[in-house]
Amino acid sequence: MIYLYIALGVIVLIVLCALFVWFNNRCIKTTRVQREIDGAPKLKIVHLSDLHGKSFGRNNIRLIKKVVNEKPDFIAVTGDIIHLYRPKDISVACGTVSALKEAAPVLFVAGNHEMRNKGYRNLRKILMEAGAEVLDDRCVNVCGITVVGLNGASLRNGKIEKITPEASPKILLAHEPQFIDKYLGAGYDLVLCGHAHGGQWRIPFTGIGLYAPGQGKFPKYTSGVHERGKGAMVISRGLGNSRFPLRLFNRPEIVVIEINE
């Protein structure tokens, strides 16, 4: 009889562990941020990052519903909407963009997974046809505020100084957060980034992630709000996974940013 109890206990433990892992990788968390920006109108932005071709429900319906229910003024997608260049990922990305554009303008800036692939030009065209405003080193005016997109390939060649407009207030969409000093040093009021995946596995109750590309072990910039003077960078922990197949203590996240509310 004792062996039966042990076997049942092991089965229960396995089931609980499986449910815990499922919860950490499939249940989307909504994080809310409020910022005051001088001269900016009242705005609500939904910030998405690092989808990596992942679907939350059929046709990404759970993710889309969460975003649409927020009634944003625009949706910022800060890169890695695909994982390299798998056809399935492109289909998921385009279907998601096409659905989201019905709720609000979708502004997209490329991440390293888009830029590392020779097919980015084609992907860019496909995303634009799906309804995304692709911001490769250019700016648009949305709801009375200037939004600039910094292409990941331009980050290391000094182009940020060339594309930054003098007009204020202004928001920058970029992918990699470790360049915070360059971003906020260029005079942006708000910077939205992703890339770090929240450190992938986070130490419970500490907010410390274990690893992020470009930052290494125990990275500094993985989530939340990071301020420099009047400017701030908001990092999304992202939605999907890349080389690390699982998240732990680090649920997929959308960030809702309310400006001057």
Foldseek 3Di string as FASTA:
>chain_A
DVVVVVVVVVVVVVVVVVVQQCCQAQPADEAEAEAEFPPADWFKEKEAEQLQLDANPDLNVVVLVVVLVVLGQEYEYQENCHFQDDPSSLVSSLSSLLSNVVRYAYEYEYDPSLVVHPCNVVSVVSNVVSGHHYADLEWDAGRREIEHEHHPVCPPVPCVLVSDDPDDAYEYRHEDCPVVCVVVVSPYQEYEYEQQLQLQEADPPPSWHQQGPPQGGRRDDQAAWDDDVNHIYGYASHRADHPDHTGHPRHHYMYMYIYPD
